[in-house]
Amino acid sequence: MTLVQSVRSAAVSGGVFAAALGLATLLTRLGSVPPIVAALAASLFLAVLSWKLDLPSPHTQVEFTSSHLASWSIGFIVPLVLLGGVARTLPPGSEFVCEPLVPWRISIVVFGSFFSACMAAGMRIRAPDLLYEALIPIALCWIAPFYGFFHAPWFLAQSLMIPCADRPIAQYLIAAAAMTLAALLGARLTAWMFDREA
């Protein structure tokens, strides 16, 4: 994938993520929809649209290359802008993201990022059809939408645009950095297990 293709894919993926989170927020605002149903709807929306648009999982781009760094930047900026619109259009957007029933721990986002990168790397090696990569958000639908689907740029954009009152920004920054490292380690571990380059 060229740099331009990678950036374009990240921009579209970021838009799909923002739309999925907007859908979850809208469903939660309806009042009678439980957060877990909104999370499932967001996960299905993200998975189906990613598959239909032939978008690779964001968890497959974890190396510190110029292409991936550009993708991460665009993957952060696009959701940041779009979620800013969601936060203004559907206030308060934190009803879904800051659901008190969902625990907040940095360890959760770090493990989620590690696991997602492991799965994406394994699927890329053993079953390179993008259909399988789309299953990752569905497999983690009960928790992933609350944490930017465990993709650091999405998580950071979500956290900055729809912050939770009891979570300092420093925690978000630390978590995003730790998620990036965890994803890299997850991809490397899978590559080592399959004896392939990440």
C-alpha atoms as a PDB file:
ATOM      1  CA  MET A   1       0.000   0.000   0.000  1.00  0.00           C
ATOM      2  CA  THR A   2       1.418   3.395  -1.008  1.00  0.00           C
ATOM      3  CA  LEU A   3       1.601   6.392   1.326  1.00  0.00           C
ATOM      4  CA  VAL A   4      -1.335   8.075  -0.422  1.00  0.00           C
ATOM      5  CA  GLN A   5      -3.450   4.914  -0.242  1.00  0.00           C
ATOM      6  CA  SER A   6      -2.559   4.438   3.415  1.00  0.00           C
ATOM      7  CA  VAL A   7      -3.500   8.025   4.306  1.00  0.00           C
ATOM      8  CA  ARG A   8      -6.732   7.850   2.312  1.00  0.00           C
ATOM      9  CA  SER A   9      -7.656   4.566   4.019  1.00  0.00           C
ATOM     10  CA  ALA A  10      -6.930   6.057   7.447  1.00  0.00           C
ATOM     11  CA  ALA A  11      -9.090   9.100   6.661  1.00  0.00           C
ATOM     12  CA  VAL A  12     -12.034   6.962   5.574  1.00  0.00           C
ATOM     13  CA  SER A  13     -11.579   4.596   8.542  1.00  0.00           C
ATOM     14  CA  GLY A  14     -11.496   7.567  10.892  1.00  0.00           C
ATOM     15  CA  GLY A  15     -14.732   8.841   9.398  1.00  0.00           C
ATOM     16  CA  VAL A  16     -16.371   5.431   9.774  1.00  0.00           C
ATOM     17  CA  PHE A  17     -15.222   5.289  13.403  1.00  0.00           C
ATOM     18  CA  ALA A  18     -16.652   8.751  14.132  1.00  0.00           C
ATOM     19  CA  ALA A  19     -19.941   7.775  12.476  1.00  0.00           C
ATOM     20  CA  ALA A  20     -20.088   4.546  14.532  1.00  0.00           C
ATOM     21  CA  LEU A  21     -19.519   6.462  17.759  1.00  0.00           C
ATOM     22  CA  GLY A  22     -22.094   9.041  16.684  1.00  0.00           C
ATOM     23  CA  LEU A  23     -24.580   6.218  16.114  1.00  0.00           C
ATOM     24  CA  ALA A  24     -23.937   4.816  19.599  1.00  0.00           C
ATOM     25  CA  THR A  25     -24.338   8.280  21.129  1.00  0.00           C
ATOM     26  CA  LEU A  26     -27.586   8.850  19.236  1.00  0.00           C
ATOM     27  CA  LEU A  27     -28.997   5.470  20.296  1.00  0.00           C
ATOM     28  CA  THR A  28     -28.081   6.171  23.912  1.00  0.00           C
ATOM     29  CA  ARG A  29     -29.807   9.559  23.711  1.00  0.00           C
ATOM     30  CA  LEU A  30     -33.027   7.818  22.736  1.00  0.00           C
ATOM     31  CA  GLY A  31     -33.213   6.787  26.384  1.00  0.00           C
ATOM     32  CA  SER A  32     -34.560   3.263  26.180  1.00  0.00           C
ATOM     33  CA  VAL A  33     -31.531   1.712  24.433  1.00  0.00           C
ATOM     34  CA  PRO A  34     -29.100   0.029  26.866  1.00  0.00           C
ATOM     35  CA  PRO A  35     -25.417   0.961  26.382  1.00  0.00           C
ATOM     36  CA  ILE A  36     -24.502  -2.615  25.449  1.00  0.00           C
ATOM     37  CA  VAL A  37     -26.987  -2.517  22.546  1.00  0.00           C
ATOM     38  CA  ALA A  38     -25.567   0.813  21.383  1.00  0.00           C
ATOM     39  CA  ALA A  39     -22.055  -0.666  21.602  1.00  0.00           C
ATOM     40  CA  LEU A  40     -23.111  -3.692  19.536  1.00  0.00           C
ATOM     41  CA  ALA A  41     -24.743  -1.427  16.929  1.00  0.00           C
ATOM     42  CA  ALA A  42     -21.582   0.704  16.699  1.00  0.00           C
ATOM     43  CA  SER A  43     -19.391  -2.404  16.349  1.00  0.00           C
ATOM     44  CA  LEU A  44     -21.561  -3.897  13.620  1.00  0.00           C
ATOM     45  CA  PHE A  45     -21.693  -0.555  11.819  1.00  0.00           C
ATOM     46  CA  LEU A  46     -17.900  -0.219  11.926  1.00  0.00           C
ATOM     47  CA  ALA A  47     -17.287  -3.838  10.883  1.00  0.00           C
ATOM     48  CA  VAL A  48     -19.763  -3.919   7.991  1.00  0.00           C
ATOM     49  CA  LEU A  49     -18.751  -0.546   6.582  1.00  0.00           C
ATOM     50  CA  SER A  50     -15.038  -1.367   6.893  1.00  0.00           C
ATOM     51  CA  TRP A  51     -15.597  -4.636   5.058  1.00  0.00           C
ATOM     52  CA  LYS A  52     -17.776  -3.088   2.342  1.00  0.00           C
ATOM     53  CA  LEU A  53     -15.277  -0.268   1.768  1.00  0.00           C
ATOM     54  CA  ASP A  54     -12.315  -2.712   1.762  1.00  0.00           C
ATOM     55  CA  LEU A  55     -10.667  -0.914   4.665  1.00  0.00           C
ATOM     56  CA  PRO A  56      -7.872  -2.776   6.429  1.00  0.00           C
ATOM     57  CA  SER A  57      -8.026  -3.015  10.184  1.00  0.00           C
ATOM     58  CA  PRO A  58      -6.262  -0.030  11.781  1.00  0.00           C
ATOM     59  CA  HIS A  59      -4.542  -2.589  14.014  1.00  0.00           C
ATOM     60  CA  THR A  60      -2.441  -3.813  11.092  1.00  0.00           C
ATOM     61  CA  GLN A  61      -0.554  -0.497  10.857  1.00  0.00           C
ATOM     62  CA  VAL A  62       1.606  -0.530  13.962  1.00  0.00           C
ATOM     63  CA  GLU A  63       5.206  -0.117  12.788  1.00  0.00           C
ATOM     64  CA  PHE A  64       6.977   3.226  13.133  1.00  0.00           C
ATOM     65  CA  THR A  65       7.239   3.888   9.404  1.00  0.00           C
ATOM     66  CA  SER A  66       6.505   7.170   7.614  1.00  0.00           C
ATOM     67  CA  SER A  67       3.420   5.619   6.034  1.00  0.00           C
ATOM     68  CA  HIS A  68       2.026   4.420   9.349  1.00  0.00           C
ATOM     69  CA  LEU A  69       2.876   7.671  11.145  1.00  0.00           C
ATOM     70  CA  ALA A  70       1.006   9.597   8.438  1.00  0.00           C
ATOM     71  CA  SER A  71      -1.932   7.177   8.793  1.00  0.00           C
ATOM     72  CA  TRP A  72      -1.986   7.619  12.567  1.00  0.00           C
ATOM     73  CA  SER A  73      -1.965  11.396  12.181  1.00  0.00           C
ATOM     74  CA  ILE A  74      -4.849  11.405   9.712  1.00  0.00           C
ATOM     75  CA  GLY A  75      -6.576   8.677  11.754  1.00  0.00           C
ATOM     76  CA  PHE A  76      -6.460  11.083  14.697  1.00  0.00           C
ATOM     77  CA  ILE A  77      -7.338  14.363  12.939  1.00  0.00           C
ATOM     78  CA  VAL A  78     -10.379  13.132  10.971  1.00  0.00           C
ATOM     79  CA  PRO A  79     -12.200  11.632  14.002  1.00  0.00           C
ATOM     80  CA  LEU A  80     -11.152  14.623  16.130  1.00  0.00           C
ATOM     81  CA  VAL A  81     -12.926  17.020  13.759  1.00  0.00           C
ATOM     82  CA  LEU A  82     -15.950  14.790  13.175  1.00  0.00           C
ATOM     83  CA  LEU A  83     -16.402  13.923  16.853  1.00  0.00           C
ATOM     84  CA  GLY A  84     -16.212  17.630  17.624  1.00  0.00           C
ATOM     85  CA  GLY A  85     -19.295  17.953  15.435  1.00  0.00           C
ATOM     86  CA  VAL A  86     -20.958  15.016  17.181  1.00  0.00           C
ATOM     87  CA  ALA A  87     -20.256  16.552  20.589  1.00  0.00           C
ATOM     88  CA  ARG A  88     -21.851  19.842  19.519  1.00  0.00           C
ATOM     89  CA  THR A  89     -24.785  18.303  17.648  1.00  0.00           C
ATOM     90  CA  LEU A  90     -25.732  15.659  20.186  1.00  0.00           C
ATOM     91  CA  PRO A  91     -24.777  17.037  23.599  1.00  0.00           C
ATOM     92  CA  PRO A  92     -24.012  15.498  25.970  1.00  0.00           C
ATOM     93  CA  GLY A  93     -22.088  12.890  23.983  1.00  0.00           C
ATOM     94  CA  SER A  94     -20.518  11.544  27.138  1.00  0.00           C
ATOM     95  CA  GLU A  95     -23.670   9.590  27.995  1.00  0.00           C
ATOM     96  CA  PHE A  96     -22.321   6.677  25.968  1.00  0.00           C
ATOM     97  CA  VAL A  97     -18.546   7.091  26.196  1.00  0.00           C
ATOM     98  CA  CYS A  98     -18.555   7.733  29.954  1.00  0.00           C
ATOM     99  CA  GLU A  99     -21.039   5.004  30.848  1.00  0.00           C
ATOM    100  CA  PRO A 100     -20.485   4.387  34.589  1.00  0.00           C
ATOM    101  CA  LEU A 101     -21.090   0.640  34.213  1.00  0.00           C
ATOM    102  CA  VAL A 102     -17.988   0.386  32.013  1.00  0.00           C
ATOM    103  CA  PRO A 103     -14.818   0.380  34.123  1.00  0.00           C
ATOM    104  CA  TRP A 104     -12.040   2.853  33.320  1.00  0.00           C
ATOM    105  CA  ARG A 105      -8.529   1.485  33.664  1.00  0.00           C
ATOM    106  CA  ILE A 106      -5.479   2.080  31.534  1.00  0.00           C
ATOM    107  CA  SER A 107      -4.799  -1.656  31.708  1.00  0.00           C
ATOM    108  CA  ILE A 108      -8.046  -2.309  29.814  1.00  0.00           C
ATOM    109  CA  VAL A 109      -7.098  -0.155  26.835  1.00  0.00           C
ATOM    110  CA  VAL A 110      -3.547  -1.495  26.812  1.00  0.00           C
ATOM    111  CA  PHE A 111      -4.658  -5.124  26.806  1.00  0.00           C
ATOM    112  CA  GLY A 112      -7.383  -4.389  24.240  1.00  0.00           C
ATOM    113  CA  SER A 113      -4.848  -2.775  21.933  1.00  0.00           C
ATOM    114  CA  PHE A 114      -2.410  -5.673  22.376  1.00  0.00           C
ATOM    115  CA  PHE A 115      -5.107  -8.281  21.714  1.00  0.00           C
ATOM    116  CA  SER A 116      -6.517  -6.446  18.675  1.00  0.00           C
ATOM    117  CA  ALA A 117      -3.062  -6.102  17.103  1.00  0.00           C
ATOM    118  CA  CYS A 118      -2.345  -9.803  17.764  1.00  0.00           C
ATOM    119  CA  MET A 119      -5.582 -10.811  16.074  1.00  0.00           C
ATOM    120  CA  ALA A 120      -5.103  -8.458  13.130  1.00  0.00           C
ATOM    121  CA  ALA A 121      -1.539  -9.653  12.533  1.00  0.00           C
ATOM    122  CA  GLY A 122      -2.588 -13.291  12.753  1.00  0.00           C
ATOM    123  CA  MET A 123      -5.466 -12.775  10.342  1.00  0.00           C
ATOM    124  CA  ARG A 124      -3.235 -10.894   7.935  1.00  0.00           C
ATOM    125  CA  ILE A 125      -0.861 -13.879   7.855  1.00  0.00           C
ATOM    126  CA  ARG A 126      -3.290 -16.806   7.937  1.00  0.00           C
ATOM    127  CA  ALA A 127      -6.470 -15.361   6.387  1.00  0.00           C
ATOM    128  CA  PRO A 128      -5.658 -12.160   4.485  1.00  0.00           C
ATOM    129  CA  ASP A 129      -9.276 -11.565   3.495  1.00  0.00           C
ATOM    130  CA  LEU A 130     -10.439  -8.216   4.925  1.00  0.00           C
ATOM    131  CA  LEU A 131     -13.681  -9.900   5.985  1.00  0.00           C
ATOM    132  CA  TYR A 132     -11.888 -11.565   8.875  1.00  0.00           C
ATOM    133  CA  GLU A 133     -10.249  -8.352  10.073  1.00  0.00           C
ATOM    134  CA  ALA A 134     -13.733  -6.832  10.318  1.00  0.00           C
ATOM    135  CA  LEU A 135     -14.580  -9.457  12.933  1.00  0.00           C
ATOM    136  CA  ILE A 136     -12.230  -7.881  15.502  1.00  0.00           C
ATOM    137  CA  PRO A 137     -14.593  -5.060  16.575  1.00  0.00           C
ATOM    138  CA  ILE A 138     -17.512  -7.507  16.664  1.00  0.00           C
ATOM    139  CA  ALA A 139     -15.557  -9.893  18.905  1.00  0.00           C
ATOM    140  CA  LEU A 140     -14.914  -7.038  21.349  1.00  0.00           C
ATOM    141  CA  CYS A 141     -18.258  -5.272  20.895  1.00  0.00           C
ATOM    142  CA  TRP A 142     -19.095  -5.305  24.603  1.00  0.00           C
ATOM    143  CA  ILE A 143     -16.125  -3.086  25.540  1.00  0.00           C
ATOM    144  CA  ALA A 144     -14.230  -1.772  22.473  1.00  0.00           C
ATOM    145  CA  PRO A 145     -16.577   1.085  21.413  1.00  0.00           C
ATOM    146  CA  PHE A 146     -16.161   2.750  24.802  1.00  0.00           C
ATOM    147  CA  TYR A 147     -12.382   2.877  24.234  1.00  0.00           C
ATOM    148  CA  GLY A 148     -11.984   3.953  20.628  1.00  0.00           C
ATOM    149  CA  PHE A 149     -12.057   0.331  19.467  1.00  0.00           C
ATOM    150  CA  PHE A 150      -8.602   0.018  21.086  1.00  0.00           C
ATOM    151  CA  HIS A 151      -6.912   2.024  18.312  1.00  0.00           C
ATOM    152  CA  ALA A 152      -4.743   4.732  19.899  1.00  0.00           C
ATOM    153  CA  PRO A 153      -5.477   7.608  17.451  1.00  0.00           C
ATOM    154  CA  TRP A 154      -9.218   6.963  17.646  1.00  0.00           C
ATOM    155  CA  PHE A 155      -9.107   6.604  21.407  1.00  0.00           C
ATOM    156  CA  LEU A 156      -7.238   9.872  21.810  1.00  0.00           C
ATOM    157  CA  ALA A 157      -9.578  11.756  19.444  1.00  0.00           C
ATOM    158  CA  GLN A 158     -12.604  10.331  21.282  1.00  0.00           C
ATOM    159  CA  SER A 159     -11.150  11.191  24.679  1.00  0.00           C
ATOM    160  CA  LEU A 160     -10.317  14.784  23.745  1.00  0.00           C
ATOM    161  CA  MET A 161     -13.603  15.563  22.007  1.00  0.00           C
ATOM    162  CA  ILE A 162     -15.895  13.691  24.413  1.00  0.00           C
ATOM    163  CA  PRO A 163     -13.999  13.781  27.715  1.00  0.00           C
ATOM    164  CA  CYS A 164     -15.247  12.177  30.908  1.00  0.00           C
ATOM    165  CA  ALA A 165     -15.302  14.425  33.968  1.00  0.00           C
ATOM    166  CA  ASP A 166     -13.437  12.019  36.259  1.00  0.00           C
ATOM    167  CA  ARG A 167     -10.571  11.256  33.846  1.00  0.00           C
ATOM    168  CA  PRO A 168      -7.637  13.690  33.575  1.00  0.00           C
ATOM    169  CA  ILE A 169      -6.207  14.395  30.124  1.00  0.00           C
ATOM    170  CA  ALA A 170      -2.823  13.104  31.326  1.00  0.00           C
ATOM    171  CA  GLN A 171      -4.382   9.649  31.730  1.00  0.00           C
ATOM    172  CA  TYR A 172      -5.633   9.743  28.141  1.00  0.00           C
ATOM    173  CA  LEU A 173      -2.194  10.696  26.846  1.00  0.00           C
ATOM    174  CA  ILE A 174      -0.460   7.982  28.864  1.00  0.00           C
ATOM    175  CA  ALA A 175      -3.042   5.429  27.770  1.00  0.00           C
ATOM    176  CA  ALA A 176      -2.687   6.342  24.069  1.00  0.00           C
ATOM    177  CA  ALA A 177       1.117   6.038  24.261  1.00  0.00           C
ATOM    178  CA  ALA A 178       0.841   2.697  26.073  1.00  0.00           C
ATOM    179  CA  MET A 179      -1.724   1.467  23.525  1.00  0.00           C
ATOM    180  CA  THR A 180       0.670   2.257  20.673  1.00  0.00           C
ATOM    181  CA  LEU A 181       3.459   0.291  22.311  1.00  0.00           C
ATOM    182  CA  ALA A 182       1.098  -2.583  23.186  1.00  0.00           C
ATOM    183  CA  ALA A 183      -0.106  -2.806  19.580  1.00  0.00           C
ATOM    184  CA  LEU A 184       3.474  -2.938  18.337  1.00  0.00           C
ATOM    185  CA  LEU A 185       4.318  -5.698  20.821  1.00  0.00           C
ATOM    186  CA  GLY A 186       1.155  -7.609  19.930  1.00  0.00           C
ATOM    187  CA  ALA A 187       1.952  -7.541  16.218  1.00  0.00           C
ATOM    188  CA  ARG A 188       5.567  -8.537  16.874  1.00  0.00           C
ATOM    189  CA  LEU A 189       4.516 -11.407  19.125  1.00  0.00           C
ATOM    190  CA  THR A 190       2.179 -12.787  16.476  1.00  0.00           C
ATOM    191  CA  ALA A 191       4.820 -12.409  13.782  1.00  0.00           C
ATOM    192  CA  TRP A 192       7.281 -14.281  15.999  1.00  0.00           C
ATOM    193  CA  MET A 193       4.753 -17.035  16.680  1.00  0.00           C
ATOM    194  CA  PHE A 194       4.151 -17.448  12.962  1.00  0.00           C
ATOM    195  CA  ASP A 195       7.847 -16.838  12.202  1.00  0.00           C
ATOM    196  CA  ARG A 196       7.013 -13.946   9.877  1.00  0.00           C
ATOM    197  CA  GLU A 197       7.905 -10.256   9.729  1.00  0.00           C
ATOM    198  CA  ALA A 198       5.218  -7.973  11.261  1.00  0.00           C
END
